């Protein structure tokens, strides 16, 4: 678990006003309590060392044509391109879509949210991979309107 994942979890916990959250993955246990001091603290889990972050040059913004709409993630979660692992994807490059059509699913705290298009158009590019964690505001699709 890296700091980016922990920050994403903290944003979700704050957004949904969760009082208590616990996660255990790969031998690392994370427990977050909000609001009260009535509970005694749990013994700390052993610290996990992470590799130092690799510095990269900031990406230069790519100019987009006026008829190209960049659809961004409305929430933090995990991106899924289809309703089930063995099902067809909701959209693919070249798909014609209408406002309100389902583009993908974003799972947040075990809730699967169908994400709908806010424009009519055609999918030009899909910018994320199936199963990839996404941040709020992260570009997901380029749609020619």
N, C-alpha and C. Protein backbone atom coordinates (compact mmCIF):
# COMPACT_ATOMS: atom_id res chain seq x y z
N UNK A 1 0.86 -1.17 0.00
CA UNK A 1 0.00 0.00 0.00
C UNK A 1 0.91 1.23 0.00
N UNK A 2 0.67 2.12 -0.93
CA UNK A 2 1.51 3.31 -1.01
C UNK A 2 0.73 4.53 -0.53
N UNK A 3 1.43 5.66 -0.45
CA UNK A 3 0.80 6.87 0.07
C UNK A 3 -0.33 7.36 -0.81
N UNK A 4 -0.23 7.13 -2.12
CA UNK A 4 -1.31 7.55 -3.03
C UNK A 4 -2.60 6.80 -2.70
N UNK A 5 -2.48 5.48 -2.47
CA UNK A 5 -3.66 4.69 -2.13
C UNK A 5 -4.24 5.14 -0.78
N UNK A 6 -3.37 5.42 0.18
CA UNK A 6 -3.84 5.86 1.50
C UNK A 6 -4.55 7.20 1.38
N UNK A 7 -3.98 8.13 0.59
CA UNK A 7 -4.64 9.42 0.39
C UNK A 7 -6.01 9.25 -0.26
N UNK A 8 -6.10 8.34 -1.24
CA UNK A 8 -7.39 8.08 -1.89
C UNK A 8 -8.40 7.55 -0.88
N UNK A 9 -7.95 6.63 -0.03
CA UNK A 9 -8.84 6.10 1.00
C UNK A 9 -9.30 7.20 1.95
N UNK A 10 -8.37 8.06 2.36
CA UNK A 10 -8.73 9.15 3.27
C UNK A 10 -9.76 10.09 2.64
N UNK A 11 -9.61 10.37 1.33
CA UNK A 11 -10.58 11.22 0.64
C UNK A 11 -11.96 10.57 0.64
N UNK A 12 -12.00 9.25 0.35
CA UNK A 12 -13.28 8.55 0.34
C UNK A 12 -13.91 8.53 1.73
N UNK A 13 -13.09 8.27 2.74
CA UNK A 13 -13.60 8.22 4.11
C UNK A 13 -14.18 9.58 4.50
N UNK A 14 -13.49 10.65 4.13
CA UNK A 14 -13.98 12.00 4.41
C UNK A 14 -15.24 12.30 3.62
N UNK A 15 -15.24 11.94 2.32
CA UNK A 15 -16.37 12.23 1.44
C UNK A 15 -17.65 11.54 1.91
N UNK A 16 -17.53 10.27 2.36
CA UNK A 16 -18.71 9.51 2.77
C UNK A 16 -18.91 9.54 4.29
N UNK A 17 -18.13 10.36 5.01
CA UNK A 17 -18.26 10.54 6.44
C UNK A 17 -18.26 9.21 7.19
N UNK A 18 -17.27 8.37 6.90
CA UNK A 18 -17.14 7.06 7.53
C UNK A 18 -16.46 7.25 8.88
N UNK A 19 -17.04 6.65 9.94
CA UNK A 19 -16.51 6.83 11.29
C UNK A 19 -15.34 5.88 11.56
N UNK A 20 -15.40 4.68 10.99
CA UNK A 20 -14.35 3.70 11.24
C UNK A 20 -14.09 2.90 9.98
N UNK A 21 -12.81 2.66 9.69
CA UNK A 21 -12.42 1.93 8.49
C UNK A 21 -11.22 1.08 8.82
N UNK A 22 -11.24 -0.17 8.33
CA UNK A 22 -10.11 -1.06 8.57
C UNK A 22 -9.84 -1.85 7.30
N UNK A 23 -8.55 -1.99 6.95
CA UNK A 23 -8.14 -2.69 5.75
C UNK A 23 -6.88 -3.46 6.07
N UNK A 24 -6.81 -4.71 5.61
CA UNK A 24 -5.60 -5.49 5.75
C UNK A 24 -5.26 -6.06 4.39
N UNK A 25 -4.02 -5.77 3.94
CA UNK A 25 -3.59 -6.25 2.63
C UNK A 25 -2.10 -6.55 2.69
N UNK A 26 -1.72 -7.72 2.22
CA UNK A 26 -0.32 -8.13 2.16
C UNK A 26 0.38 -7.99 3.50
N UNK A 27 -0.29 -8.33 4.57
CA UNK A 27 0.31 -8.28 5.89
C UNK A 27 0.36 -6.89 6.52
N UNK A 28 -0.15 -5.88 5.83
CA UNK A 28 -0.19 -4.53 6.37
C UNK A 28 -1.62 -4.22 6.78
N UNK A 29 -1.78 -3.73 7.99
CA UNK A 29 -3.12 -3.42 8.51
C UNK A 29 -3.23 -1.92 8.70
N UNK A 30 -4.31 -1.36 8.17
CA UNK A 30 -4.58 0.07 8.29
C UNK A 30 -5.94 0.22 8.95
N UNK A 31 -5.98 0.99 10.05
CA UNK A 31 -7.24 1.23 10.74
C UNK A 31 -7.37 2.72 10.97
N UNK A 32 -8.52 3.26 10.60
CA UNK A 32 -8.77 4.69 10.73
C UNK A 32 -10.05 4.87 11.54
N UNK A 33 -9.95 5.65 12.61
CA UNK A 33 -11.09 5.98 13.45
C UNK A 33 -11.27 7.48 13.42
N UNK A 34 -12.50 7.94 13.29
CA UNK A 34 -12.77 9.37 13.26
C UNK A 34 -13.72 9.74 14.37
N UNK A 35 -13.57 10.95 14.88
CA UNK A 35 -14.58 11.54 15.73
C UNK A 35 -14.41 11.36 17.22
N UNK A 36 -14.05 10.20 17.71
CA UNK A 36 -14.03 10.02 19.15
C UNK A 36 -12.69 9.59 19.68
N UNK A 37 -12.54 9.75 20.99
CA UNK A 37 -11.32 9.30 21.65
C UNK A 37 -11.66 8.24 22.68
N UNK A 38 -12.89 7.67 22.62
CA UNK A 38 -13.33 6.68 23.60
C UNK A 38 -12.61 5.35 23.42
N UNK A 39 -12.20 5.01 22.23
CA UNK A 39 -11.57 3.72 21.96
C UNK A 39 -10.09 3.77 22.29
N UNK A 40 -9.58 2.71 22.92
CA UNK A 40 -8.14 2.68 23.17
C UNK A 40 -7.41 2.45 21.85
N UNK A 41 -6.22 2.99 21.71
CA UNK A 41 -5.48 2.81 20.46
C UNK A 41 -5.04 1.37 20.27
N UNK A 42 -5.06 0.92 19.04
CA UNK A 42 -4.60 -0.42 18.69
C UNK A 42 -3.08 -0.42 18.65
N UNK A 43 -2.45 -1.57 18.90
CA UNK A 43 -1.00 -1.62 18.74
C UNK A 43 -0.65 -1.36 17.28
N UNK A 44 0.41 -0.63 17.07
CA UNK A 44 0.81 -0.25 15.71
C UNK A 44 1.33 -1.45 14.95
N UNK A 45 0.97 -1.51 13.66
CA UNK A 45 1.48 -2.55 12.78
C UNK A 45 2.91 -2.20 12.41
N UNK A 46 3.72 -3.19 12.07
CA UNK A 46 5.10 -2.87 11.68
C UNK A 46 5.12 -1.97 10.45
N UNK A 47 6.04 -1.04 10.46
CA UNK A 47 6.15 -0.09 9.34
C UNK A 47 6.64 -0.80 8.09
N UNK A 48 6.11 -0.37 6.96
CA UNK A 48 6.52 -0.92 5.68
C UNK A 48 7.34 0.13 4.96
N UNK A 49 8.53 -0.23 4.54
CA UNK A 49 9.36 0.72 3.83
C UNK A 49 8.97 0.73 2.37
N UNK A 50 8.88 1.93 1.81
CA UNK A 50 8.56 2.09 0.40
C UNK A 50 9.79 2.59 -0.33
N UNK A 51 9.84 2.29 -1.61
CA UNK A 51 10.93 2.80 -2.43
C UNK A 51 10.78 4.31 -2.54
N UNK A 52 11.90 5.04 -2.59
CA UNK A 52 11.78 6.49 -2.72
C UNK A 52 11.10 6.85 -4.03
N UNK A 53 10.30 7.94 -4.02
CA UNK A 53 9.58 8.31 -5.25
C UNK A 53 10.55 8.74 -6.34
N UNK A 54 10.20 8.38 -7.56
CA UNK A 54 11.00 8.76 -8.71
C UNK A 54 10.47 10.09 -9.22
N UNK A 55 11.34 11.07 -9.34
CA UNK A 55 10.91 12.38 -9.81
C UNK A 55 10.82 12.36 -11.32
N UNK A 56 9.73 12.90 -11.82
CA UNK A 56 9.54 13.00 -13.26
C UNK A 56 9.21 14.44 -13.61
N UNK A 57 9.49 14.78 -14.83
CA UNK A 57 9.18 16.14 -15.29
C UNK A 57 7.67 16.27 -15.40
N UNK A 58 7.09 17.41 -15.03
CA UNK A 58 5.65 17.58 -15.16
C UNK A 58 5.24 17.50 -16.63
N UNK A 59 4.12 16.83 -16.84
CA UNK A 59 3.63 16.67 -18.21
C UNK A 59 3.11 18.00 -18.73
N UNK A 60 3.45 18.28 -19.98
CA UNK A 60 2.95 19.51 -20.59
C UNK A 60 1.52 19.26 -21.05
N UNK A 61 0.61 20.21 -20.83
CA UNK A 61 -0.76 20.00 -21.26
C UNK A 61 -0.84 19.87 -22.77
N UNK A 62 -1.62 18.89 -23.19
CA UNK A 62 -1.80 18.67 -24.62
C UNK A 62 -2.99 19.49 -25.08
N UNK A 63 -2.81 20.32 -26.11
CA UNK A 63 -3.96 21.09 -26.58
C UNK A 63 -5.03 20.16 -27.15
N UNK A 64 -6.29 20.45 -26.83
CA UNK A 64 -7.38 19.63 -27.34
C UNK A 64 -8.23 20.47 -28.29
N UNK A 65 -8.65 19.85 -29.38
CA UNK A 65 -9.53 20.57 -30.30
C UNK A 65 -10.83 20.96 -29.60
N UNK A 66 -11.48 21.98 -30.12
CA UNK A 66 -12.70 22.49 -29.48
C UNK A 66 -13.82 21.45 -29.44
N UNK A 67 -13.87 20.53 -30.40
CA UNK A 67 -14.95 19.55 -30.41
C UNK A 67 -14.59 18.28 -29.64
N UNK A 68 -13.48 18.30 -28.89
CA UNK A 68 -13.06 17.14 -28.12
C UNK A 68 -13.34 17.40 -26.63
N UNK A 69 -14.19 16.56 -26.06
CA UNK A 69 -14.57 16.68 -24.65
C UNK A 69 -13.78 15.64 -23.85
N UNK A 70 -13.10 16.06 -22.80
CA UNK A 70 -12.39 15.13 -21.93
C UNK A 70 -13.29 14.82 -20.74
N UNK A 71 -13.72 13.57 -20.65
CA UNK A 71 -14.60 13.13 -19.57
C UNK A 71 -13.71 12.70 -18.41
N UNK A 72 -13.94 13.27 -17.22
CA UNK A 72 -13.10 12.98 -16.06
C UNK A 72 -13.86 12.17 -15.01
N UNK A 73 -13.09 11.50 -14.16
CA UNK A 73 -13.67 10.68 -13.10
C UNK A 73 -14.41 11.55 -12.10
N UNK A 74 -15.67 11.22 -11.81
CA UNK A 74 -16.44 12.02 -10.85
C UNK A 74 -16.15 11.64 -9.39
N UNK A 75 -15.30 10.61 -9.18
CA UNK A 75 -15.00 10.15 -7.82
C UNK A 75 -13.71 9.35 -7.82
N UNK A 76 -13.22 9.07 -6.65
CA UNK A 76 -12.06 8.22 -6.47
C UNK A 76 -12.54 6.77 -6.41
N UNK A 77 -11.83 5.87 -7.03
CA UNK A 77 -12.21 4.46 -6.96
C UNK A 77 -11.44 3.64 -7.96
N UNK A 78 -12.00 2.48 -8.29
CA UNK A 78 -11.40 1.57 -9.26
C UNK A 78 -12.26 1.55 -10.51
N UNK A 79 -11.63 1.76 -11.67
CA UNK A 79 -12.31 1.83 -12.96
C UNK A 79 -12.55 0.42 -13.50
N UNK A 80 -13.76 0.17 -13.96
CA UNK A 80 -14.08 -1.08 -14.64
C UNK A 80 -14.79 -0.75 -15.95
N UNK A 81 -14.36 -1.40 -17.02
CA UNK A 81 -14.89 -1.11 -18.35
C UNK A 81 -16.13 -1.93 -18.69
N UNK A 82 -16.46 -2.93 -17.88
CA UNK A 82 -17.62 -3.76 -18.15
C UNK A 82 -18.32 -4.12 -16.84
N UNK A 83 -19.59 -4.56 -16.93
CA UNK A 83 -20.33 -4.87 -15.71
C UNK A 83 -19.85 -6.14 -15.01
N UNK A 84 -19.24 -7.06 -15.77
CA UNK A 84 -18.71 -8.32 -15.23
C UNK A 84 -17.40 -8.62 -15.95
N UNK A 85 -16.51 -9.38 -15.32
CA UNK A 85 -15.23 -9.67 -15.97
C UNK A 85 -15.35 -10.33 -17.34
N UNK A 86 -16.38 -11.15 -17.55
CA UNK A 86 -16.52 -11.86 -18.83
C UNK A 86 -17.50 -11.17 -19.79
N UNK A 87 -18.01 -10.01 -19.43
CA UNK A 87 -18.99 -9.30 -20.26
C UNK A 87 -18.28 -8.33 -21.22
N UNK A 88 -19.02 -7.91 -22.26
CA UNK A 88 -18.50 -6.91 -23.19
C UNK A 88 -18.35 -5.58 -22.47
N UNK A 89 -17.43 -4.75 -22.96
CA UNK A 89 -17.22 -3.43 -22.37
C UNK A 89 -18.41 -2.53 -22.68
N UNK A 90 -18.62 -1.53 -21.83
CA UNK A 90 -19.71 -0.58 -22.05
C UNK A 90 -19.46 0.20 -23.35
N UNK A 91 -18.22 0.70 -23.52
CA UNK A 91 -17.86 1.45 -24.71
C UNK A 91 -16.47 1.04 -25.16
N UNK A 92 -16.17 1.32 -26.41
CA UNK A 92 -14.83 1.12 -26.93
C UNK A 92 -14.54 2.25 -27.90
N UNK A 93 -13.30 2.37 -28.32
CA UNK A 93 -12.94 3.43 -29.26
C UNK A 93 -13.82 3.30 -30.49
N UNK A 94 -14.45 4.40 -30.89
CA UNK A 94 -15.35 4.41 -32.04
C UNK A 94 -16.81 4.30 -31.68
N UNK A 95 -17.13 3.94 -30.41
CA UNK A 95 -18.53 3.82 -29.99
C UNK A 95 -19.21 5.19 -30.04
N UNK A 96 -20.45 5.20 -30.56
CA UNK A 96 -21.27 6.40 -30.54
C UNK A 96 -22.09 6.35 -29.26
N UNK A 97 -22.08 7.46 -28.51
CA UNK A 97 -22.78 7.49 -27.23
C UNK A 97 -23.73 8.67 -27.17
N UNK A 98 -24.70 8.56 -26.30
CA UNK A 98 -25.67 9.62 -26.03
C UNK A 98 -25.51 10.04 -24.57
N UNK A 99 -25.90 11.26 -24.28
CA UNK A 99 -25.88 11.73 -22.90
C UNK A 99 -26.72 10.77 -22.06
N UNK A 100 -26.17 10.32 -20.95
CA UNK A 100 -26.87 9.38 -20.06
C UNK A 100 -26.48 7.93 -20.28
N UNK A 101 -25.77 7.61 -21.37
CA UNK A 101 -25.30 6.24 -21.60
C UNK A 101 -24.21 5.90 -20.58
N UNK A 102 -24.18 4.65 -20.13
CA UNK A 102 -23.16 4.22 -19.19
C UNK A 102 -21.83 4.06 -19.91
N UNK A 103 -20.80 4.70 -19.37
CA UNK A 103 -19.45 4.63 -19.94
C UNK A 103 -18.60 3.58 -19.24
N UNK A 104 -18.78 3.46 -17.93
CA UNK A 104 -17.95 2.55 -17.14
C UNK A 104 -18.57 2.41 -15.75
N UNK A 105 -17.87 1.68 -14.91
CA UNK A 105 -18.24 1.56 -13.50
C UNK A 105 -17.03 2.00 -12.69
N UNK A 106 -17.26 2.76 -11.63
CA UNK A 106 -16.20 3.07 -10.68
C UNK A 106 -16.63 2.51 -9.33
N UNK A 107 -15.80 1.60 -8.81
CA UNK A 107 -16.07 1.00 -7.51
C UNK A 107 -15.43 1.86 -6.43
N UNK A 108 -16.24 2.25 -5.48
CA UNK A 108 -15.75 3.01 -4.34
C UNK A 108 -16.32 2.39 -3.08
N UNK A 109 -15.47 1.86 -2.24
CA UNK A 109 -15.87 1.24 -0.97
C UNK A 109 -16.92 0.15 -1.17
N UNK A 110 -16.64 -0.72 -2.13
CA UNK A 110 -17.50 -1.88 -2.45
C UNK A 110 -18.86 -1.48 -3.02
N UNK A 111 -19.00 -0.24 -3.45
CA UNK A 111 -20.22 0.20 -4.13
C UNK A 111 -19.85 0.43 -5.58
N UNK A 112 -20.57 -0.22 -6.48
CA UNK A 112 -20.30 -0.13 -7.91
C UNK A 112 -21.20 0.95 -8.52
N UNK A 113 -20.58 2.07 -8.91
CA UNK A 113 -21.31 3.23 -9.42
C UNK A 113 -21.25 3.26 -10.94
N UNK A 114 -22.40 3.22 -11.60
CA UNK A 114 -22.43 3.36 -13.06
C UNK A 114 -22.18 4.82 -13.39
N UNK A 115 -21.20 5.06 -14.24
CA UNK A 115 -20.83 6.41 -14.62
C UNK A 115 -21.40 6.69 -16.00
N UNK A 116 -22.21 7.76 -16.09
CA UNK A 116 -22.92 8.08 -17.33
C UNK A 116 -22.28 9.26 -18.04
N UNK A 117 -22.41 9.24 -19.36
CA UNK A 117 -21.87 10.32 -20.19
C UNK A 117 -22.66 11.61 -19.96
N UNK A 118 -21.94 12.72 -20.03
CA UNK A 118 -22.60 14.02 -19.90
C UNK A 118 -22.73 14.72 -21.25
N UNK A 119 -22.33 14.03 -22.33
CA UNK A 119 -22.42 14.60 -23.69
C UNK A 119 -22.78 13.51 -24.69
N UNK A 120 -23.26 13.93 -25.86
CA UNK A 120 -23.43 13.04 -27.01
C UNK A 120 -22.13 13.07 -27.79
N UNK A 121 -21.74 11.96 -28.40
CA UNK A 121 -20.53 11.99 -29.21
C UNK A 121 -20.02 10.61 -29.54
N UNK A 122 -18.71 10.57 -29.84
CA UNK A 122 -18.05 9.33 -30.22
C UNK A 122 -16.76 9.19 -29.40
N UNK A 123 -16.53 8.00 -28.87
CA UNK A 123 -15.33 7.75 -28.06
C UNK A 123 -14.11 7.78 -28.98
N UNK A 124 -13.15 8.67 -28.67
CA UNK A 124 -11.93 8.79 -29.45
C UNK A 124 -10.79 8.01 -28.78
N UNK A 125 -10.69 8.15 -27.45
CA UNK A 125 -9.64 7.46 -26.70
C UNK A 125 -10.16 7.07 -25.33
N UNK A 126 -9.71 5.92 -24.85
CA UNK A 126 -9.95 5.49 -23.48
C UNK A 126 -8.61 5.61 -22.78
N UNK A 127 -8.56 6.42 -21.74
CA UNK A 127 -7.29 6.82 -21.14
C UNK A 127 -6.86 5.99 -19.92
N UNK A 128 -7.68 5.03 -19.49
CA UNK A 128 -7.34 4.20 -18.33
C UNK A 128 -7.55 2.73 -18.68
N UNK A 129 -6.92 1.88 -17.90
CA UNK A 129 -7.02 0.43 -18.08
C UNK A 129 -8.05 -0.15 -17.11
N UNK A 130 -8.65 -1.26 -17.49
CA UNK A 130 -9.61 -1.94 -16.64
C UNK A 130 -8.93 -2.35 -15.32
N UNK A 131 -9.59 -2.06 -14.20
CA UNK A 131 -9.07 -2.41 -12.89
C UNK A 131 -8.11 -1.39 -12.31
N UNK A 132 -7.88 -0.30 -13.01
CA UNK A 132 -6.92 0.73 -12.57
C UNK A 132 -7.56 1.66 -11.56
N UNK A 133 -6.85 2.01 -10.47
CA UNK A 133 -7.38 3.02 -9.55
C UNK A 133 -7.39 4.38 -10.24
N UNK A 134 -8.45 5.16 -10.00
CA UNK A 134 -8.56 6.49 -10.59
C UNK A 134 -8.82 7.52 -9.49
N UNK A 135 -8.37 8.72 -9.73
CA UNK A 135 -8.55 9.84 -8.80
C UNK A 135 -9.70 10.72 -9.28
N UNK A 136 -10.27 11.49 -8.38
CA UNK A 136 -11.29 12.46 -8.75
C UNK A 136 -10.68 13.44 -9.76
N UNK A 137 -11.38 13.67 -10.87
CA UNK A 137 -10.92 14.61 -11.88
C UNK A 137 -9.92 14.05 -12.87
N UNK A 138 -9.54 12.79 -12.73
CA UNK A 138 -8.59 12.18 -13.67
C UNK A 138 -9.28 11.93 -15.01
N UNK A 139 -8.67 12.28 -16.13
CA UNK A 139 -9.28 12.04 -17.43
C UNK A 139 -9.48 10.55 -17.70
N UNK A 140 -10.69 10.18 -18.14
CA UNK A 140 -11.01 8.80 -18.44
C UNK A 140 -11.20 8.56 -19.95
N UNK A 141 -11.92 9.47 -20.59
CA UNK A 141 -12.26 9.32 -21.99
C UNK A 141 -12.08 10.64 -22.75
N UNK A 142 -11.74 10.53 -24.02
CA UNK A 142 -11.82 11.66 -24.92
C UNK A 142 -13.00 11.37 -25.84
N UNK A 143 -13.92 12.33 -25.93
CA UNK A 143 -15.15 12.14 -26.69
C UNK A 143 -15.26 13.26 -27.72
N UNK A 144 -15.41 12.89 -28.98
CA UNK A 144 -15.63 13.90 -30.04
C UNK A 144 -17.11 14.23 -30.02
N UNK A 145 -17.43 15.52 -29.78
CA UNK A 145 -18.83 15.94 -29.67
C UNK A 145 -19.36 16.40 -31.01
